[in-house]
Amino acid sequence: MIRALTIGLLSVAGAGLAALELLLQPLYIGSVPVPVGAVLALLTLPWLIRAVTDVSTATAAVASPLVVWVVVVGVLGFAGPGGDVLLPTTWQSLLLLVAGLLSGLVVTRRVLEEGAAERSPGREPSHSG
């Protein structure tokens, strides 16, 4: 029960972070675009996935922050509230999508491979001599 609640709370945090990243993505300092949302996605999504692995190593649980992030970015970014598009066709939007997806997928894959290695029976190194 506590595990499911913790995973749910981390997924809700992922949804909130995805919405925040979408809102911060189009920031400019003067005339220079500063993709803060992409930097946040690059930092927070792997952290959320690692936090879930402290609770569970099940594939669905580990992937849940990434799946929630993709759904929230997809829904709010492409069919936002009132029909607004929060992800215009700019390089900053592409950077947000690539940074979030790649960082999430890399960490998810690494965590699942580590879990599989821990579950597999260890092999003794062969000694030839």
C-alpha atoms as a PDB file:
ATOM      1  CA  MET A   1       0.000   0.000   0.000  1.00  0.00           C
ATOM      2  CA  ILE A   2       2.777   2.433   0.938  1.00  0.00           C
ATOM      3  CA  ARG A   3       4.750   1.470  -2.186  1.00  0.00           C
ATOM      4  CA  ALA A   4       1.801   2.172  -4.480  1.00  0.00           C
ATOM      5  CA  LEU A   5       1.153   5.489  -2.737  1.00  0.00           C
ATOM      6  CA  THR A   6       4.794   6.514  -3.057  1.00  0.00           C
ATOM      7  CA  ILE A   7       4.914   5.566  -6.736  1.00  0.00           C
ATOM      8  CA  GLY A   8       1.667   7.460  -7.299  1.00  0.00           C
ATOM      9  CA  LEU A   9       3.017  10.560  -5.566  1.00  0.00           C
ATOM     10  CA  LEU A  10       6.222  10.436  -7.611  1.00  0.00           C
ATOM     11  CA  SER A  11       4.152  10.119 -10.783  1.00  0.00           C
ATOM     12  CA  VAL A  12       2.017  13.106  -9.762  1.00  0.00           C
ATOM     13  CA  ALA A  13       5.244  15.018  -9.113  1.00  0.00           C
ATOM     14  CA  GLY A  14       6.351  14.045 -12.621  1.00  0.00           C
ATOM     15  CA  ALA A  15       3.094  15.416 -14.024  1.00  0.00           C
ATOM     16  CA  GLY A  16       3.535  18.682 -12.156  1.00  0.00           C
ATOM     17  CA  LEU A  17       7.137  18.986 -13.289  1.00  0.00           C
ATOM     18  CA  ALA A  18       6.118  18.314 -16.899  1.00  0.00           C
ATOM     19  CA  ALA A  19       3.546  21.114 -16.722  1.00  0.00           C
ATOM     20  CA  LEU A  20       6.105  23.457 -15.137  1.00  0.00           C
ATOM     21  CA  GLU A  21       8.690  22.583 -17.775  1.00  0.00           C
ATOM     22  CA  LEU A  22       6.168  23.384 -20.509  1.00  0.00           C
ATOM     23  CA  LEU A  23       5.448  26.755 -18.936  1.00  0.00           C
ATOM     24  CA  LEU A  24       9.126  27.623 -18.503  1.00  0.00           C
ATOM     25  CA  GLN A  25      10.241  26.449 -21.940  1.00  0.00           C
ATOM     26  CA  PRO A  26       9.483  29.646 -23.916  1.00  0.00           C
ATOM     27  CA  LEU A  27      11.465  31.953 -21.598  1.00  0.00           C
ATOM     28  CA  TYR A  28      13.704  34.604 -23.077  1.00  0.00           C
ATOM     29  CA  ILE A  29      16.383  36.794 -21.559  1.00  0.00           C
ATOM     30  CA  GLY A  30      16.219  39.831 -23.769  1.00  0.00           C
ATOM     31  CA  SER A  31      16.113  38.383 -27.268  1.00  0.00           C
ATOM     32  CA  VAL A  32      17.942  35.150 -26.369  1.00  0.00           C
ATOM     33  CA  PRO A  33      15.806  32.030 -25.778  1.00  0.00           C
ATOM     34  CA  VAL A  34      16.680  30.197 -22.561  1.00  0.00           C
ATOM     35  CA  PRO A  35      15.171  26.673 -22.571  1.00  0.00           C
ATOM     36  CA  VAL A  36      14.808  26.301 -18.808  1.00  0.00           C
ATOM     37  CA  GLY A  37      12.144  23.616 -19.233  1.00  0.00           C
ATOM     38  CA  ALA A  38      14.534  21.348 -21.130  1.00  0.00           C
ATOM     39  CA  VAL A  39      17.195  21.733 -18.437  1.00  0.00           C
ATOM     40  CA  LEU A  40      14.639  20.914 -15.743  1.00  0.00           C
ATOM     41  CA  ALA A  41      13.480  17.843 -17.682  1.00  0.00           C
ATOM     42  CA  LEU A  42      17.083  16.732 -18.097  1.00  0.00           C
ATOM     43  CA  LEU A  43      17.653  16.962 -14.346  1.00  0.00           C
ATOM     44  CA  THR A  44      14.332  15.974 -12.764  1.00  0.00           C
ATOM     45  CA  LEU A  45      13.107  13.060 -14.865  1.00  0.00           C
ATOM     46  CA  PRO A  46      16.124  10.814 -14.149  1.00  0.00           C
ATOM     47  CA  TRP A  47      15.864  11.769 -10.485  1.00  0.00           C
ATOM     48  CA  LEU A  48      12.178  10.747 -10.366  1.00  0.00           C
ATOM     49  CA  ILE A  49      12.945   7.422 -12.039  1.00  0.00           C
ATOM     50  CA  ARG A  50      15.779   6.712  -9.584  1.00  0.00           C
ATOM     51  CA  ALA A  51      13.462   7.654  -6.695  1.00  0.00           C
ATOM     52  CA  VAL A  52      10.894   5.109  -7.875  1.00  0.00           C
ATOM     53  CA  THR A  53      13.569   2.392  -7.952  1.00  0.00           C
ATOM     54  CA  ASP A  54      14.114   2.945  -4.235  1.00  0.00           C
ATOM     55  CA  VAL A  55      10.535   1.734  -3.794  1.00  0.00           C
ATOM     56  CA  SER A  56      10.104  -0.840  -6.560  1.00  0.00           C
ATOM     57  CA  THR A  57      12.093  -2.354  -9.402  1.00  0.00           C
ATOM     58  CA  ALA A  58       9.043  -3.517 -11.364  1.00  0.00           C
ATOM     59  CA  THR A  59       9.188  -2.367 -14.972  1.00  0.00           C
ATOM     60  CA  ALA A  60       5.803  -0.621 -14.840  1.00  0.00           C
ATOM     61  CA  ALA A  61       6.732   1.232 -11.666  1.00  0.00           C
ATOM     62  CA  VAL A  62      10.150   2.303 -12.957  1.00  0.00           C
ATOM     63  CA  ALA A  63       8.692   3.563 -16.230  1.00  0.00           C
ATOM     64  CA  SER A  64       5.698   5.333 -14.656  1.00  0.00           C
ATOM     65  CA  PRO A  65       7.324   8.796 -14.237  1.00  0.00           C
ATOM     66  CA  LEU A  66       8.451   8.750 -17.881  1.00  0.00           C
ATOM     67  CA  VAL A  67       5.040   7.606 -19.129  1.00  0.00           C
ATOM     68  CA  VAL A  68       3.256  10.268 -17.095  1.00  0.00           C
ATOM     69  CA  TRP A  69       5.711  12.918 -18.328  1.00  0.00           C
ATOM     70  CA  VAL A  70       5.113  11.935 -21.970  1.00  0.00           C
ATOM     71  CA  VAL A  71       1.328  11.974 -21.521  1.00  0.00           C
ATOM     72  CA  VAL A  72       1.295  15.358 -19.784  1.00  0.00           C
ATOM     73  CA  VAL A  73       3.669  16.944 -22.307  1.00  0.00           C
ATOM     74  CA  GLY A  74       1.644  15.441 -25.141  1.00  0.00           C
ATOM     75  CA  VAL A  75      -1.738  16.535 -23.840  1.00  0.00           C
ATOM     76  CA  LEU A  76      -0.775  19.987 -22.575  1.00  0.00           C
ATOM     77  CA  GLY A  77       1.834  20.655 -25.236  1.00  0.00           C
ATOM     78  CA  PHE A  78      -0.141  19.736 -28.327  1.00  0.00           C
ATOM     79  CA  ALA A  79      -3.754  20.112 -27.210  1.00  0.00           C
ATOM     80  CA  GLY A  80      -3.430  22.496 -24.290  1.00  0.00           C
ATOM     81  CA  PRO A  81      -6.135  24.171 -22.295  1.00  0.00           C
ATOM     82  CA  GLY A  82      -8.604  26.002 -24.497  1.00  0.00           C
ATOM     83  CA  GLY A  83      -6.899  24.665 -27.611  1.00  0.00           C
ATOM     84  CA  ASP A  84      -3.691  26.583 -26.897  1.00  0.00           C
ATOM     85  CA  VAL A  85      -0.494  24.953 -28.119  1.00  0.00           C
ATOM     86  CA  LEU A  86       2.219  25.160 -25.466  1.00  0.00           C
ATOM     87  CA  LEU A  87       4.797  23.509 -27.716  1.00  0.00           C
ATOM     88  CA  PRO A  88       5.205  25.669 -30.799  1.00  0.00           C
ATOM     89  CA  THR A  89       7.334  24.375 -33.649  1.00  0.00           C
ATOM     90  CA  THR A  90      10.653  25.769 -32.457  1.00  0.00           C
ATOM     91  CA  TRP A  91      14.008  24.270 -31.590  1.00  0.00           C
ATOM     92  CA  GLN A  92      13.281  24.898 -27.905  1.00  0.00           C
ATOM     93  CA  SER A  93      10.241  22.610 -28.056  1.00  0.00           C
ATOM     94  CA  LEU A  94      12.237  19.927 -29.823  1.00  0.00           C
ATOM     95  CA  LEU A  95      14.958  20.287 -27.211  1.00  0.00           C
ATOM     96  CA  LEU A  96      12.427  19.775 -24.410  1.00  0.00           C
ATOM     97  CA  LEU A  97      11.060  16.620 -26.032  1.00  0.00           C
ATOM     98  CA  VAL A  98      14.489  15.176 -26.809  1.00  0.00           C
ATOM     99  CA  ALA A  99      15.970  16.042 -23.405  1.00  0.00           C
ATOM    100  CA  GLY A 100      13.034  14.560 -21.513  1.00  0.00           C
ATOM    101  CA  LEU A 101      12.671  11.431 -23.601  1.00  0.00           C
ATOM    102  CA  LEU A 102      16.366  10.622 -23.892  1.00  0.00           C
ATOM    103  CA  SER A 103      17.206  11.251 -20.249  1.00  0.00           C
ATOM    104  CA  GLY A 104      14.161   9.271 -19.126  1.00  0.00           C
ATOM    105  CA  LEU A 105      14.759   6.370 -21.491  1.00  0.00           C
ATOM    106  CA  VAL A 106      18.476   6.125 -20.729  1.00  0.00           C
ATOM    107  CA  VAL A 107      17.938   6.056 -16.970  1.00  0.00           C
ATOM    108  CA  THR A 108      14.969   3.674 -17.238  1.00  0.00           C
ATOM    109  CA  ARG A 109      16.994   1.272 -19.367  1.00  0.00           C
ATOM    110  CA  ARG A 110      19.982   1.472 -17.052  1.00  0.00           C
ATOM    111  CA  VAL A 111      17.852   0.868 -13.954  1.00  0.00           C
ATOM    112  CA  LEU A 112      16.073  -2.093 -15.539  1.00  0.00           C
ATOM    113  CA  GLU A 113      19.367  -3.611 -16.680  1.00  0.00           C
ATOM    114  CA  GLU A 114      20.824  -3.202 -13.182  1.00  0.00           C
ATOM    115  CA  GLY A 115      17.736  -4.866 -11.727  1.00  0.00           C
ATOM    116  CA  ALA A 116      17.958  -7.738 -14.193  1.00  0.00           C
ATOM    117  CA  ALA A 117      21.644  -8.227 -13.402  1.00  0.00           C
ATOM    118  CA  GLU A 118      20.877  -8.367  -9.672  1.00  0.00           C
ATOM    119  CA  ARG A 119      18.084 -10.905 -10.199  1.00  0.00           C
ATOM    120  CA  SER A 120      20.085 -13.193 -12.493  1.00  0.00           C
ATOM    121  CA  PRO A 121      22.185 -15.887 -10.859  1.00  0.00           C
ATOM    122  CA  GLY A 122      25.765 -14.751 -10.505  1.00  0.00           C
ATOM    123  CA  ARG A 123      28.379 -16.586 -12.471  1.00  0.00           C
ATOM    124  CA  GLU A 124      31.734 -17.304 -11.004  1.00  0.00           C
ATOM    125  CA  PRO A 125      34.588 -15.920 -13.056  1.00  0.00           C
ATOM    126  CA  SER A 126      36.486 -18.676 -14.791  1.00  0.00           C
ATOM    127  CA  HIS A 127      40.077 -19.090 -13.737  1.00  0.00           C
ATOM    128  CA  SER A 128      42.349 -20.253 -16.472  1.00  0.00           C
ATOM    129  CA  GLY A 129      45.909 -20.603 -15.802  1.00  0.00           C
END
